[in-house]
Amino acid sequence: MPIISKEKGLQVKDVMTKNPICCTPETNLREVAQLMMERDCGEIPVVDSEKTMNLVGVITDRDITCRTVALGKNPLEMTAGECLSSPSVNVTPETSLEECCKTMESYGVFRWWTKPAAVAASSLKPILQEMLQRKKQARW
């Protein structure tokens, strides 16, 4: 990770998606899958309610596949609460990207959520895009 350590000024808030779409444990899996397709993402935060927005876990496309289809269950009859992964890996918006990447590596994840819960989300893609852009600007 030598490139990230040179980018000392970058923090999670510089690359995160603010106000990501969320679902509740009661949301049916078809709706979750539709949200993933509409937003072109593979993970949706699961919050206790739309009012409080307390993060209870996340649901991924892999969770749906492995915890329903692979076990012979009908995903059209299941909810996010029956498939979610919990706890999720969380960082703060002020966390440095270097520390965030170390956290992701130690947990073996490719996405993270910020605290307070479900305020923002990100993955490796925007980190790499931001670093590439800064590197290009430094050359010119």
N, C-alpha and C. Protein backbone atom coordinates (compact mmCIF):
# COMPACT_ATOMS: atom_id res chain seq x y z
N MET A 1 0.79 -1.20 0.00
CA MET A 1 0.00 0.00 0.00
C MET A 1 0.84 1.27 0.00
N PRO A 2 1.96 1.33 -0.65
CA PRO A 2 2.79 2.52 -0.59
C PRO A 2 2.14 3.75 -1.22
N ILE A 3 1.30 3.58 -2.23
CA ILE A 3 0.67 4.74 -2.86
C ILE A 3 -0.25 5.44 -1.87
N ILE A 4 -1.04 4.67 -1.14
CA ILE A 4 -1.98 5.25 -0.20
C ILE A 4 -1.27 6.02 0.89
N SER A 5 -0.17 5.51 1.38
CA SER A 5 0.53 6.20 2.46
C SER A 5 1.08 7.55 2.01
N LYS A 6 1.31 7.72 0.70
CA LYS A 6 1.76 9.02 0.19
C LYS A 6 0.61 10.01 0.11
N GLU A 7 -0.62 9.52 0.09
CA GLU A 7 -1.80 10.36 -0.02
C GLU A 7 -2.33 10.67 1.38
N LYS A 8 -1.53 11.30 2.21
CA LYS A 8 -1.87 11.51 3.61
C LYS A 8 -3.11 12.35 3.82
N GLY A 9 -3.42 13.24 2.88
CA GLY A 9 -4.56 14.12 3.06
C GLY A 9 -5.91 13.48 2.79
N LEU A 10 -5.94 12.33 2.14
CA LEU A 10 -7.21 11.72 1.78
C LEU A 10 -7.85 11.02 2.97
N GLN A 11 -9.14 11.28 3.12
CA GLN A 11 -9.92 10.64 4.15
C GLN A 11 -11.12 9.96 3.50
N VAL A 12 -11.78 9.11 4.25
CA VAL A 12 -12.94 8.39 3.75
C VAL A 12 -13.97 9.38 3.19
N LYS A 13 -14.17 10.51 3.85
CA LYS A 13 -15.18 11.48 3.40
C LYS A 13 -14.88 12.02 2.00
N ASP A 14 -13.64 11.91 1.53
CA ASP A 14 -13.28 12.39 0.21
C ASP A 14 -13.75 11.47 -0.91
N VAL A 15 -14.06 10.23 -0.60
CA VAL A 15 -14.42 9.26 -1.64
C VAL A 15 -15.73 8.52 -1.38
N MET A 16 -16.42 8.85 -0.30
CA MET A 16 -17.61 8.08 0.05
C MET A 16 -18.85 8.56 -0.70
N THR A 17 -19.80 7.67 -0.83
CA THR A 17 -21.10 7.98 -1.37
C THR A 17 -21.98 8.40 -0.22
N LYS A 18 -22.47 9.62 -0.27
CA LYS A 18 -23.30 10.12 0.83
C LYS A 18 -24.74 9.67 0.63
N ASN A 19 -25.42 9.40 1.74
CA ASN A 19 -26.83 9.01 1.75
C ASN A 19 -27.14 7.84 0.80
N PRO A 20 -26.48 6.71 1.00
CA PRO A 20 -26.75 5.55 0.12
C PRO A 20 -28.16 5.01 0.36
N ILE A 21 -28.67 4.33 -0.63
CA ILE A 21 -29.98 3.70 -0.50
C ILE A 21 -29.89 2.61 0.57
N CYS A 22 -30.93 2.46 1.37
CA CYS A 22 -30.95 1.46 2.45
C CYS A 22 -32.22 0.63 2.36
N CYS A 23 -32.22 -0.46 3.09
CA CYS A 23 -33.43 -1.25 3.24
C CYS A 23 -33.56 -1.62 4.71
N THR A 24 -34.69 -2.21 5.08
CA THR A 24 -34.91 -2.66 6.45
C THR A 24 -34.92 -4.19 6.46
N PRO A 25 -34.85 -4.81 7.64
CA PRO A 25 -34.89 -6.27 7.69
C PRO A 25 -36.16 -6.86 7.07
N GLU A 26 -37.24 -6.08 7.03
CA GLU A 26 -38.50 -6.57 6.48
C GLU A 26 -38.57 -6.47 4.95
N THR A 27 -37.62 -5.79 4.31
CA THR A 27 -37.63 -5.63 2.86
C THR A 27 -37.47 -6.99 2.19
N ASN A 28 -38.34 -7.29 1.22
CA ASN A 28 -38.22 -8.59 0.55
C ASN A 28 -37.00 -8.60 -0.37
N LEU A 29 -36.47 -9.78 -0.61
CA LEU A 29 -35.23 -9.92 -1.38
C LEU A 29 -35.37 -9.47 -2.83
N ARG A 30 -36.54 -9.59 -3.38
CA ARG A 30 -36.73 -9.11 -4.76
C ARG A 30 -36.49 -7.60 -4.81
N GLU A 31 -37.03 -6.88 -3.84
CA GLU A 31 -36.83 -5.43 -3.80
C GLU A 31 -35.36 -5.09 -3.56
N VAL A 32 -34.69 -5.84 -2.70
CA VAL A 32 -33.26 -5.62 -2.45
C VAL A 32 -32.48 -5.80 -3.76
N ALA A 33 -32.77 -6.88 -4.48
CA ALA A 33 -32.08 -7.15 -5.75
C ALA A 33 -32.36 -6.05 -6.76
N GLN A 34 -33.59 -5.55 -6.79
CA GLN A 34 -33.93 -4.46 -7.70
C GLN A 34 -33.16 -3.19 -7.35
N LEU A 35 -33.00 -2.91 -6.06
CA LEU A 35 -32.21 -1.75 -5.63
C LEU A 35 -30.77 -1.89 -6.09
N MET A 36 -30.23 -3.09 -5.96
CA MET A 36 -28.85 -3.34 -6.41
C MET A 36 -28.71 -3.09 -7.91
N MET A 37 -29.69 -3.54 -8.67
CA MET A 37 -29.64 -3.33 -10.13
C MET A 37 -29.78 -1.85 -10.47
N GLU A 38 -30.72 -1.17 -9.85
CA GLU A 38 -30.95 0.25 -10.13
C GLU A 38 -29.75 1.10 -9.77
N ARG A 39 -29.07 0.76 -8.68
CA ARG A 39 -27.94 1.55 -8.18
C ARG A 39 -26.59 1.00 -8.62
N ASP A 40 -26.61 -0.09 -9.39
CA ASP A 40 -25.40 -0.74 -9.87
C ASP A 40 -24.42 -0.99 -8.72
N CYS A 41 -24.92 -1.68 -7.70
CA CYS A 41 -24.09 -1.99 -6.53
C CYS A 41 -24.33 -3.42 -6.10
N GLY A 42 -23.45 -3.94 -5.28
CA GLY A 42 -23.57 -5.31 -4.82
C GLY A 42 -23.82 -5.44 -3.33
N GLU A 43 -24.09 -4.30 -2.67
CA GLU A 43 -24.32 -4.34 -1.23
C GLU A 43 -25.24 -3.20 -0.83
N ILE A 44 -26.19 -3.50 0.04
CA ILE A 44 -27.14 -2.51 0.54
C ILE A 44 -27.09 -2.54 2.07
N PRO A 45 -26.99 -1.38 2.72
CA PRO A 45 -27.05 -1.37 4.18
C PRO A 45 -28.46 -1.70 4.65
N VAL A 46 -28.54 -2.43 5.75
CA VAL A 46 -29.83 -2.77 6.35
C VAL A 46 -29.93 -1.99 7.65
N VAL A 47 -30.96 -1.14 7.74
CA VAL A 47 -31.16 -0.31 8.93
C VAL A 47 -32.40 -0.77 9.67
N ASP A 48 -32.45 -0.49 10.98
CA ASP A 48 -33.58 -0.96 11.78
C ASP A 48 -34.90 -0.33 11.35
N SER A 49 -34.87 0.93 10.94
CA SER A 49 -36.06 1.60 10.41
C SER A 49 -35.63 2.81 9.60
N GLU A 50 -36.50 3.24 8.72
CA GLU A 50 -36.19 4.41 7.90
C GLU A 50 -36.12 5.68 8.75
N LYS A 51 -36.75 5.65 9.91
CA LYS A 51 -36.76 6.82 10.79
C LYS A 51 -35.45 6.96 11.57
N THR A 52 -35.00 5.88 12.19
CA THR A 52 -33.80 5.95 13.04
C THR A 52 -32.51 5.71 12.27
N MET A 53 -32.58 4.92 11.18
CA MET A 53 -31.42 4.64 10.33
C MET A 53 -30.24 4.03 11.08
N ASN A 54 -30.51 3.22 12.11
CA ASN A 54 -29.44 2.51 12.82
C ASN A 54 -29.05 1.28 12.02
N LEU A 55 -27.78 1.18 11.69
CA LEU A 55 -27.28 0.07 10.88
C LEU A 55 -27.31 -1.23 11.66
N VAL A 56 -27.99 -2.25 11.11
CA VAL A 56 -28.02 -3.55 11.75
C VAL A 56 -27.19 -4.58 11.00
N GLY A 57 -26.81 -4.25 9.77
CA GLY A 57 -25.99 -5.15 8.96
C GLY A 57 -26.02 -4.71 7.52
N VAL A 58 -25.57 -5.58 6.66
CA VAL A 58 -25.58 -5.32 5.21
C VAL A 58 -26.05 -6.58 4.50
N ILE A 59 -26.55 -6.39 3.30
CA ILE A 59 -26.91 -7.55 2.49
C ILE A 59 -26.22 -7.40 1.14
N THR A 60 -25.56 -8.46 0.72
CA THR A 60 -24.82 -8.44 -0.54
C THR A 60 -25.48 -9.39 -1.54
N ASP A 61 -25.11 -9.21 -2.80
CA ASP A 61 -25.59 -10.13 -3.82
C ASP A 61 -25.13 -11.55 -3.49
N ARG A 62 -23.96 -11.67 -2.91
CA ARG A 62 -23.43 -12.98 -2.51
C ARG A 62 -24.24 -13.57 -1.36
N ASP A 63 -24.67 -12.74 -0.40
CA ASP A 63 -25.52 -13.22 0.69
C ASP A 63 -26.79 -13.84 0.13
N ILE A 64 -27.40 -13.17 -0.83
CA ILE A 64 -28.64 -13.67 -1.42
C ILE A 64 -28.40 -15.00 -2.11
N THR A 65 -27.33 -15.10 -2.86
CA THR A 65 -27.03 -16.33 -3.58
C THR A 65 -26.71 -17.48 -2.63
N CYS A 66 -25.81 -17.24 -1.69
CA CYS A 66 -25.33 -18.32 -0.82
C CYS A 66 -26.32 -18.72 0.27
N ARG A 67 -27.12 -17.78 0.74
CA ARG A 67 -28.03 -18.07 1.86
C ARG A 67 -29.44 -18.42 1.42
N THR A 68 -29.69 -18.36 0.13
CA THR A 68 -31.02 -18.75 -0.36
C THR A 68 -30.90 -19.78 -1.48
N VAL A 69 -30.53 -19.33 -2.65
CA VAL A 69 -30.51 -20.19 -3.83
C VAL A 69 -29.65 -21.44 -3.60
N ALA A 70 -28.45 -21.27 -3.08
CA ALA A 70 -27.53 -22.40 -2.88
C ALA A 70 -28.08 -23.40 -1.87
N LEU A 71 -28.97 -22.94 -0.99
CA LEU A 71 -29.55 -23.84 0.02
C LEU A 71 -30.93 -24.34 -0.38
N GLY A 72 -31.33 -24.04 -1.62
CA GLY A 72 -32.61 -24.52 -2.11
C GLY A 72 -33.80 -23.74 -1.60
N LYS A 73 -33.57 -22.57 -1.03
CA LYS A 73 -34.67 -21.74 -0.53
C LYS A 73 -35.16 -20.82 -1.64
N ASN A 74 -36.38 -20.36 -1.52
CA ASN A 74 -36.96 -19.47 -2.51
C ASN A 74 -36.71 -18.01 -2.08
N PRO A 75 -35.84 -17.29 -2.79
CA PRO A 75 -35.55 -15.91 -2.39
C PRO A 75 -36.76 -14.98 -2.50
N LEU A 76 -37.76 -15.36 -3.30
CA LEU A 76 -38.95 -14.52 -3.43
C LEU A 76 -39.83 -14.59 -2.19
N GLU A 77 -39.53 -15.53 -1.30
CA GLU A 77 -40.30 -15.67 -0.07
C GLU A 77 -39.50 -15.24 1.16
N MET A 78 -38.36 -14.57 0.94
CA MET A 78 -37.49 -14.22 2.06
C MET A 78 -37.27 -12.71 2.14
N THR A 79 -36.75 -12.29 3.29
CA THR A 79 -36.50 -10.87 3.53
C THR A 79 -35.01 -10.62 3.75
N ALA A 80 -34.64 -9.35 3.72
CA ALA A 80 -33.24 -8.97 3.98
C ALA A 80 -32.78 -9.45 5.34
N GLY A 81 -33.66 -9.39 6.33
CA GLY A 81 -33.32 -9.81 7.68
C GLY A 81 -32.93 -11.28 7.79
N GLU A 82 -33.40 -12.10 6.87
CA GLU A 82 -33.09 -13.52 6.88
C GLU A 82 -31.76 -13.83 6.22
N CYS A 83 -31.18 -12.86 5.51
CA CYS A 83 -29.96 -13.11 4.74
C CYS A 83 -28.80 -12.18 5.09
N LEU A 84 -29.05 -11.15 5.84
CA LEU A 84 -28.04 -10.11 6.03
C LEU A 84 -26.78 -10.61 6.73
N SER A 85 -25.71 -9.88 6.52
CA SER A 85 -24.45 -10.13 7.23
C SER A 85 -24.32 -9.08 8.32
N SER A 86 -23.95 -9.53 9.50
CA SER A 86 -23.81 -8.62 10.63
C SER A 86 -22.75 -9.17 11.55
N PRO A 87 -21.93 -8.34 12.15
CA PRO A 87 -21.89 -6.89 11.99
C PRO A 87 -21.18 -6.50 10.69
N SER A 88 -21.35 -5.24 10.30
CA SER A 88 -20.66 -4.72 9.11
C SER A 88 -19.36 -4.06 9.56
N VAL A 89 -18.46 -3.83 8.62
CA VAL A 89 -17.20 -3.14 8.91
C VAL A 89 -17.46 -1.65 8.78
N ASN A 90 -17.17 -0.90 9.84
CA ASN A 90 -17.48 0.52 9.87
C ASN A 90 -16.25 1.36 10.17
N VAL A 91 -16.21 2.54 9.57
CA VAL A 91 -15.18 3.54 9.84
C VAL A 91 -15.87 4.89 9.95
N THR A 92 -15.14 5.93 10.33
CA THR A 92 -15.72 7.26 10.38
C THR A 92 -15.34 8.02 9.11
N PRO A 93 -16.07 9.08 8.78
CA PRO A 93 -15.71 9.88 7.61
C PRO A 93 -14.30 10.47 7.70
N GLU A 94 -13.82 10.68 8.93
CA GLU A 94 -12.50 11.27 9.12
C GLU A 94 -11.37 10.25 9.11
N THR A 95 -11.68 8.97 8.98
CA THR A 95 -10.65 7.94 8.92
C THR A 95 -9.80 8.15 7.67
N SER A 96 -8.49 8.03 7.82
CA SER A 96 -7.62 8.17 6.65
C SER A 96 -7.83 6.98 5.73
N LEU A 97 -7.58 7.19 4.44
CA LEU A 97 -7.73 6.08 3.50
C LEU A 97 -6.74 4.97 3.81
N GLU A 98 -5.57 5.34 4.28
CA GLU A 98 -4.58 4.32 4.64
C GLU A 98 -5.14 3.42 5.75
N GLU A 99 -5.69 4.02 6.78
CA GLU A 99 -6.25 3.24 7.89
C GLU A 99 -7.47 2.45 7.43
N CYS A 100 -8.28 3.05 6.58
CA CYS A 100 -9.45 2.37 6.05
C CYS A 100 -9.04 1.12 5.27
N CYS A 101 -8.03 1.25 4.43
CA CYS A 101 -7.56 0.10 3.64
C CYS A 101 -7.00 -0.99 4.55
N LYS A 102 -6.30 -0.60 5.60
CA LYS A 102 -5.79 -1.60 6.56
C LYS A 102 -6.95 -2.33 7.23
N THR A 103 -8.00 -1.59 7.59
CA THR A 103 -9.17 -2.19 8.21
C THR A 103 -9.84 -3.16 7.24
N MET A 104 -10.01 -2.73 5.99
CA MET A 104 -10.63 -3.59 4.99
C MET A 104 -9.81 -4.86 4.78
N GLU A 105 -8.50 -4.70 4.73
CA GLU A 105 -7.62 -5.86 4.54
C GLU A 105 -7.72 -6.82 5.72
N SER A 106 -7.74 -6.28 6.94
CA SER A 106 -7.77 -7.16 8.11
C SER A 106 -9.08 -7.93 8.22
N TYR A 107 -10.18 -7.34 7.71
CA TYR A 107 -11.47 -8.02 7.75
C TYR A 107 -11.79 -8.77 6.45
N GLY A 108 -10.95 -8.58 5.43
CA GLY A 108 -11.18 -9.26 4.16
C GLY A 108 -12.43 -8.77 3.44
N VAL A 109 -12.69 -7.45 3.51
CA VAL A 109 -13.87 -6.88 2.86
C VAL A 109 -13.46 -5.87 1.79
N PHE A 110 -14.39 -5.58 0.89
CA PHE A 110 -14.13 -4.64 -0.19
C PHE A 110 -14.99 -3.39 -0.11
N ARG A 111 -15.88 -3.35 0.88
CA ARG A 111 -16.77 -2.20 1.06
C ARG A 111 -16.82 -1.86 2.54
N TRP A 112 -17.18 -0.60 2.83
CA TRP A 112 -17.32 -0.21 4.23
C TRP A 112 -18.45 0.77 4.37
N TRP A 113 -18.86 0.96 5.63
CA TRP A 113 -19.92 1.90 5.99
C TRP A 113 -19.38 2.84 7.04
N THR A 114 -19.87 4.06 7.04
CA THR A 114 -19.41 5.02 8.03
C THR A 114 -20.35 5.04 9.22
N LYS A 115 -19.84 5.49 10.32
CA LYS A 115 -20.63 5.76 11.51
C LYS A 115 -20.70 7.26 11.65
N PRO A 116 -21.82 7.90 11.94
CA PRO A 116 -23.06 7.22 12.29
C PRO A 116 -23.58 6.36 11.15
N ALA A 117 -24.38 5.41 11.54
CA ALA A 117 -24.80 4.36 10.63
C ALA A 117 -25.43 4.88 9.34
N ALA A 118 -25.07 4.20 8.28
CA ALA A 118 -25.67 4.39 6.96
C ALA A 118 -25.64 5.83 6.46
N VAL A 119 -24.71 6.62 6.94
CA VAL A 119 -24.57 7.98 6.43
C VAL A 119 -23.90 7.94 5.07
N ALA A 120 -22.94 7.07 4.93
CA ALA A 120 -22.21 6.98 3.67
C ALA A 120 -21.60 5.61 3.51
N ALA A 121 -21.25 5.33 2.25
CA ALA A 121 -20.66 4.05 1.93
C ALA A 121 -19.62 4.23 0.86
N SER A 122 -18.74 3.27 0.77
CA SER A 122 -17.79 3.30 -0.32
C SER A 122 -17.17 1.93 -0.50
N SER A 123 -16.33 1.85 -1.53
CA SER A 123 -15.63 0.61 -1.83
C SER A 123 -14.24 0.97 -2.34
N LEU A 124 -13.51 -0.01 -2.78
CA LEU A 124 -12.17 0.25 -3.28
C LEU A 124 -12.17 1.10 -4.54
N LYS A 125 -13.19 0.99 -5.37
CA LYS A 125 -13.21 1.69 -6.66
C LYS A 125 -13.01 3.20 -6.52
N PRO A 126 -13.77 3.93 -5.69
CA PRO A 126 -13.56 5.38 -5.61
C PRO A 126 -12.21 5.76 -5.01
N ILE A 127 -11.67 4.92 -4.15
CA ILE A 127 -10.34 5.20 -3.60
C ILE A 127 -9.32 5.18 -4.74
N LEU A 128 -9.38 4.14 -5.53
CA LEU A 128 -8.43 4.01 -6.63
C LEU A 128 -8.63 5.11 -7.66
N GLN A 129 -9.88 5.47 -7.95
CA GLN A 129 -10.14 6.55 -8.90
C GLN A 129 -9.58 7.88 -8.41
N GLU A 130 -9.79 8.18 -7.15
CA GLU A 130 -9.28 9.44 -6.57
C GLU A 130 -7.76 9.47 -6.61
N MET A 131 -7.13 8.37 -6.24
CA MET A 131 -5.67 8.32 -6.24
C MET A 131 -5.12 8.46 -7.65
N LEU A 132 -5.76 7.83 -8.63
CA LEU A 132 -5.33 7.93 -10.01
C LEU A 132 -5.46 9.37 -10.51
N GLN A 133 -6.56 10.02 -10.18
CA GLN A 133 -6.78 11.41 -10.59
C GLN A 133 -5.70 12.32 -9.99
N ARG A 134 -5.40 12.14 -8.71
CA ARG A 134 -4.37 12.96 -8.06
C ARG A 134 -2.99 12.70 -8.66
N LYS A 135 -2.75 11.45 -9.01
CA LYS A 135 -1.46 11.13 -9.62
C LYS A 135 -1.34 11.80 -11.00
N LYS A 136 -2.42 11.78 -11.78
CA LYS A 136 -2.43 12.43 -13.08
C LYS A 136 -2.20 13.93 -12.93
N GLN A 137 -2.86 14.56 -11.97
CA GLN A 137 -2.70 15.99 -11.75
C GLN A 137 -1.29 16.34 -11.34
N ALA A 138 -0.66 15.49 -10.58
CA ALA A 138 0.72 15.75 -10.12
C ALA A 138 1.70 15.71 -11.30
N ARG A 139 1.39 14.93 -12.32
CA ARG A 139 2.26 14.84 -13.49
C ARG A 139 2.17 16.09 -14.35
N TRP A 140 1.03 16.75 -14.38
CA TRP A 140 0.86 17.91 -15.26
C TRP A 140 1.31 19.11 -14.52
